[in-house]
Amino acid sequence: MVGQGCYICDRLFEITLQVLSEMGIAGDVEKVTDIAVSKQFGVTATPALLLNNQVKVVGRIPAKTEIREWIKSAIS
């Protein structure tokens, strides 16, 4: 998760952890606040969620169902 530490960024981080827990998946979730990392991935707004170094969403909090589908896709 890439963000600047704002409420919305923190919320996306929490929701992602909840989804992983609900799915029974132990995964590494990292909160990155370094602007250089944002630029590296072409992220121009926050929050942003990356899975396996692929940008999945930028500038909004996705629904849990979206996050769940991205995770399923990433692990299959």
N, C-alpha and C. Protein backbone atom coordinates (compact mmCIF):
# COMPACT_ATOMS: atom_id res chain seq x y z
N MET A 1 0.85 -1.14 0.00
CA MET A 1 0.00 0.00 0.00
C MET A 1 0.90 1.22 0.00
N VAL A 2 0.65 2.11 -0.93
CA VAL A 2 1.43 3.34 -1.03
C VAL A 2 0.52 4.49 -0.62
N GLY A 3 1.01 5.30 0.30
CA GLY A 3 0.23 6.44 0.76
C GLY A 3 1.08 7.38 1.58
N GLN A 4 0.49 8.48 1.95
CA GLN A 4 1.22 9.49 2.70
C GLN A 4 0.91 9.48 4.19
N GLY A 5 0.17 8.48 4.64
CA GLY A 5 -0.13 8.38 6.06
C GLY A 5 -1.41 9.09 6.46
N CYS A 6 -2.22 9.46 5.49
CA CYS A 6 -3.50 10.12 5.79
C CYS A 6 -4.53 9.08 6.24
N TYR A 7 -5.68 9.56 6.67
CA TYR A 7 -6.74 8.67 7.13
C TYR A 7 -7.16 7.68 6.04
N ILE A 8 -7.34 8.16 4.83
CA ILE A 8 -7.79 7.29 3.74
C ILE A 8 -6.75 6.21 3.45
N CYS A 9 -5.48 6.59 3.47
CA CYS A 9 -4.40 5.61 3.25
C CYS A 9 -4.40 4.56 4.35
N ASP A 10 -4.53 5.02 5.59
CA ASP A 10 -4.56 4.10 6.72
C ASP A 10 -5.76 3.17 6.63
N ARG A 11 -6.87 3.70 6.18
CA ARG A 11 -8.09 2.89 6.05
C ARG A 11 -7.92 1.79 5.01
N LEU A 12 -7.31 2.11 3.88
CA LEU A 12 -7.06 1.09 2.85
C LEU A 12 -6.15 0.00 3.40
N PHE A 13 -5.15 0.38 4.16
CA PHE A 13 -4.25 -0.58 4.78
C PHE A 13 -5.04 -1.53 5.69
N GLU A 14 -5.89 -0.95 6.55
CA GLU A 14 -6.69 -1.76 7.48
C GLU A 14 -7.64 -2.70 6.74
N ILE A 15 -8.30 -2.19 5.72
CA ILE A 15 -9.26 -3.02 4.97
C ILE A 15 -8.54 -4.17 4.27
N THR A 16 -7.36 -3.90 3.73
CA THR A 16 -6.58 -4.95 3.07
C THR A 16 -6.22 -6.05 4.07
N LEU A 17 -5.81 -5.65 5.27
CA LEU A 17 -5.51 -6.63 6.32
C LEU A 17 -6.75 -7.43 6.69
N GLN A 18 -7.89 -6.78 6.77
CA GLN A 18 -9.15 -7.46 7.09
C GLN A 18 -9.49 -8.51 6.03
N VAL A 19 -9.35 -8.14 4.78
CA VAL A 19 -9.66 -9.07 3.69
C VAL A 19 -8.75 -10.29 3.76
N LEU A 20 -7.47 -10.06 3.95
CA LEU A 20 -6.54 -11.19 4.06
C LEU A 20 -6.93 -12.10 5.21
N SER A 21 -7.28 -11.51 6.34
CA SER A 21 -7.69 -12.29 7.51
C SER A 21 -8.96 -13.08 7.21
N GLU A 22 -9.94 -12.44 6.59
CA GLU A 22 -11.19 -13.11 6.24
C GLU A 22 -10.96 -14.27 5.29
N MET A 23 -9.94 -14.15 4.43
CA MET A 23 -9.63 -15.20 3.47
C MET A 23 -8.73 -16.28 4.07
N GLY A 24 -8.24 -16.03 5.29
CA GLY A 24 -7.35 -16.99 5.93
C GLY A 24 -5.97 -17.03 5.30
N ILE A 25 -5.56 -15.89 4.78
CA ILE A 25 -4.27 -15.80 4.09
C ILE A 25 -3.30 -14.98 4.93
N ALA A 26 -2.13 -15.53 5.16
CA ALA A 26 -1.07 -14.79 5.83
C ALA A 26 -0.21 -14.16 4.75
N GLY A 27 -0.31 -12.87 4.60
CA GLY A 27 0.46 -12.19 3.56
C GLY A 27 1.21 -11.01 4.14
N ASP A 28 2.20 -10.58 3.44
CA ASP A 28 2.96 -9.40 3.84
C ASP A 28 2.29 -8.17 3.24
N VAL A 29 1.90 -7.26 4.11
CA VAL A 29 1.32 -6.00 3.67
C VAL A 29 2.24 -4.91 4.19
N GLU A 30 2.73 -4.12 3.29
CA GLU A 30 3.68 -3.07 3.66
C GLU A 30 3.07 -1.72 3.35
N LYS A 31 3.21 -0.80 4.30
CA LYS A 31 2.75 0.56 4.11
C LYS A 31 3.97 1.40 3.72
N VAL A 32 3.95 1.95 2.51
CA VAL A 32 5.09 2.71 1.99
C VAL A 32 4.68 4.17 1.86
N THR A 33 5.49 5.05 2.44
CA THR A 33 5.20 6.49 2.37
C THR A 33 6.24 7.25 1.56
N ASP A 34 7.19 6.55 1.00
CA ASP A 34 8.28 7.17 0.24
C ASP A 34 7.78 7.60 -1.14
N ILE A 35 7.85 8.88 -1.41
CA ILE A 35 7.37 9.42 -2.69
C ILE A 35 8.15 8.83 -3.87
N ALA A 36 9.41 8.52 -3.67
CA ALA A 36 10.21 7.92 -4.74
C ALA A 36 9.63 6.58 -5.17
N VAL A 37 9.10 5.83 -4.23
CA VAL A 37 8.48 4.54 -4.56
C VAL A 37 7.20 4.78 -5.35
N SER A 38 6.44 5.78 -4.95
CA SER A 38 5.23 6.14 -5.70
C SER A 38 5.56 6.43 -7.14
N LYS A 39 6.57 7.23 -7.35
CA LYS A 39 6.99 7.59 -8.70
C LYS A 39 7.47 6.38 -9.48
N GLN A 40 8.18 5.48 -8.81
CA GLN A 40 8.70 4.28 -9.45
C GLN A 40 7.57 3.46 -10.09
N PHE A 41 6.42 3.44 -9.44
CA PHE A 41 5.29 2.65 -9.94
C PHE A 41 4.29 3.51 -10.72
N GLY A 42 4.61 4.77 -10.92
CA GLY A 42 3.72 5.65 -11.68
C GLY A 42 2.48 6.07 -10.92
N VAL A 43 2.52 5.97 -9.59
CA VAL A 43 1.38 6.34 -8.76
C VAL A 43 1.35 7.86 -8.63
N THR A 44 0.25 8.46 -9.06
CA THR A 44 0.14 9.92 -9.05
C THR A 44 -0.84 10.42 -8.00
N ALA A 45 -1.54 9.52 -7.33
CA ALA A 45 -2.47 9.89 -6.26
C ALA A 45 -2.44 8.79 -5.21
N THR A 46 -2.87 9.12 -4.02
CA THR A 46 -2.90 8.12 -2.96
C THR A 46 -4.32 8.06 -2.39
N PRO A 47 -4.67 6.94 -1.81
CA PRO A 47 -3.86 5.75 -1.61
C PRO A 47 -3.76 4.94 -2.89
N ALA A 48 -2.79 4.05 -2.90
CA ALA A 48 -2.63 3.12 -4.01
C ALA A 48 -2.36 1.73 -3.43
N LEU A 49 -2.91 0.73 -4.07
CA LEU A 49 -2.70 -0.64 -3.63
C LEU A 49 -1.98 -1.40 -4.73
N LEU A 50 -0.87 -2.01 -4.37
CA LEU A 50 -0.11 -2.82 -5.31
C LEU A 50 -0.11 -4.26 -4.82
N LEU A 51 -0.26 -5.18 -5.75
CA LEU A 51 -0.14 -6.61 -5.44
C LEU A 51 0.88 -7.19 -6.39
N ASN A 52 1.90 -7.83 -5.82
CA ASN A 52 2.97 -8.40 -6.63
C ASN A 52 3.55 -7.36 -7.60
N ASN A 53 3.77 -6.16 -7.07
CA ASN A 53 4.37 -5.04 -7.82
C ASN A 53 3.52 -4.55 -8.98
N GLN A 54 2.22 -4.82 -8.94
CA GLN A 54 1.29 -4.32 -9.96
C GLN A 54 0.29 -3.39 -9.29
N VAL A 55 0.13 -2.21 -9.85
CA VAL A 55 -0.82 -1.25 -9.31
C VAL A 55 -2.24 -1.74 -9.60
N LYS A 56 -3.04 -1.86 -8.54
CA LYS A 56 -4.42 -2.33 -8.68
C LYS A 56 -5.42 -1.19 -8.57
N VAL A 57 -5.13 -0.21 -7.75
CA VAL A 57 -6.06 0.91 -7.57
C VAL A 57 -5.28 2.13 -7.11
N VAL A 58 -5.74 3.29 -7.57
CA VAL A 58 -5.11 4.56 -7.20
C VAL A 58 -6.20 5.58 -6.87
N GLY A 59 -6.02 6.28 -5.76
CA GLY A 59 -6.88 7.41 -5.45
C GLY A 59 -8.22 7.11 -4.82
N ARG A 60 -8.46 5.87 -4.45
CA ARG A 60 -9.75 5.53 -3.82
C ARG A 60 -9.60 4.27 -2.99
N ILE A 61 -10.59 4.05 -2.14
CA ILE A 61 -10.64 2.82 -1.37
C ILE A 61 -11.59 1.87 -2.11
N PRO A 62 -11.07 0.77 -2.61
CA PRO A 62 -11.92 -0.19 -3.33
C PRO A 62 -12.78 -0.98 -2.35
N ALA A 63 -13.82 -1.58 -2.87
CA ALA A 63 -14.67 -2.46 -2.07
C ALA A 63 -13.88 -3.71 -1.68
N LYS A 64 -14.26 -4.30 -0.57
CA LYS A 64 -13.60 -5.53 -0.14
C LYS A 64 -13.66 -6.61 -1.22
N THR A 65 -14.78 -6.65 -1.94
CA THR A 65 -14.91 -7.67 -2.99
C THR A 65 -13.86 -7.47 -4.08
N GLU A 66 -13.54 -6.23 -4.41
CA GLU A 66 -12.49 -5.98 -5.40
C GLU A 66 -11.14 -6.46 -4.90
N ILE A 67 -10.83 -6.10 -3.66
CA ILE A 67 -9.55 -6.51 -3.08
C ILE A 67 -9.45 -8.03 -3.04
N ARG A 68 -10.55 -8.67 -2.64
CA ARG A 68 -10.59 -10.14 -2.56
C ARG A 68 -10.30 -10.76 -3.93
N GLU A 69 -10.90 -10.22 -4.97
CA GLU A 69 -10.68 -10.75 -6.32
C GLU A 69 -9.24 -10.55 -6.77
N TRP A 70 -8.66 -9.40 -6.47
CA TRP A 70 -7.27 -9.15 -6.85
C TRP A 70 -6.33 -10.14 -6.13
N ILE A 71 -6.63 -10.39 -4.86
CA ILE A 71 -5.79 -11.33 -4.11
C ILE A 71 -5.93 -12.73 -4.67
N LYS A 72 -7.16 -13.16 -4.93
CA LYS A 72 -7.37 -14.49 -5.52
C LYS A 72 -6.61 -14.63 -6.83
N SER A 73 -6.68 -13.61 -7.63
CA SER A 73 -5.99 -13.62 -8.92
C SER A 73 -4.47 -13.68 -8.74
N ALA A 74 -3.98 -12.96 -7.74
CA ALA A 74 -2.54 -12.90 -7.50
C ALA A 74 -1.97 -14.22 -6.99
N ILE A 75 -2.77 -14.99 -6.27
CA ILE A 75 -2.25 -16.24 -5.69
C ILE A 75 -2.55 -17.46 -6.56
N SER A 76 -3.32 -17.28 -7.61
CA SER A 76 -3.64 -18.45 -8.45
C SER A 76 -2.65 -18.63 -9.57
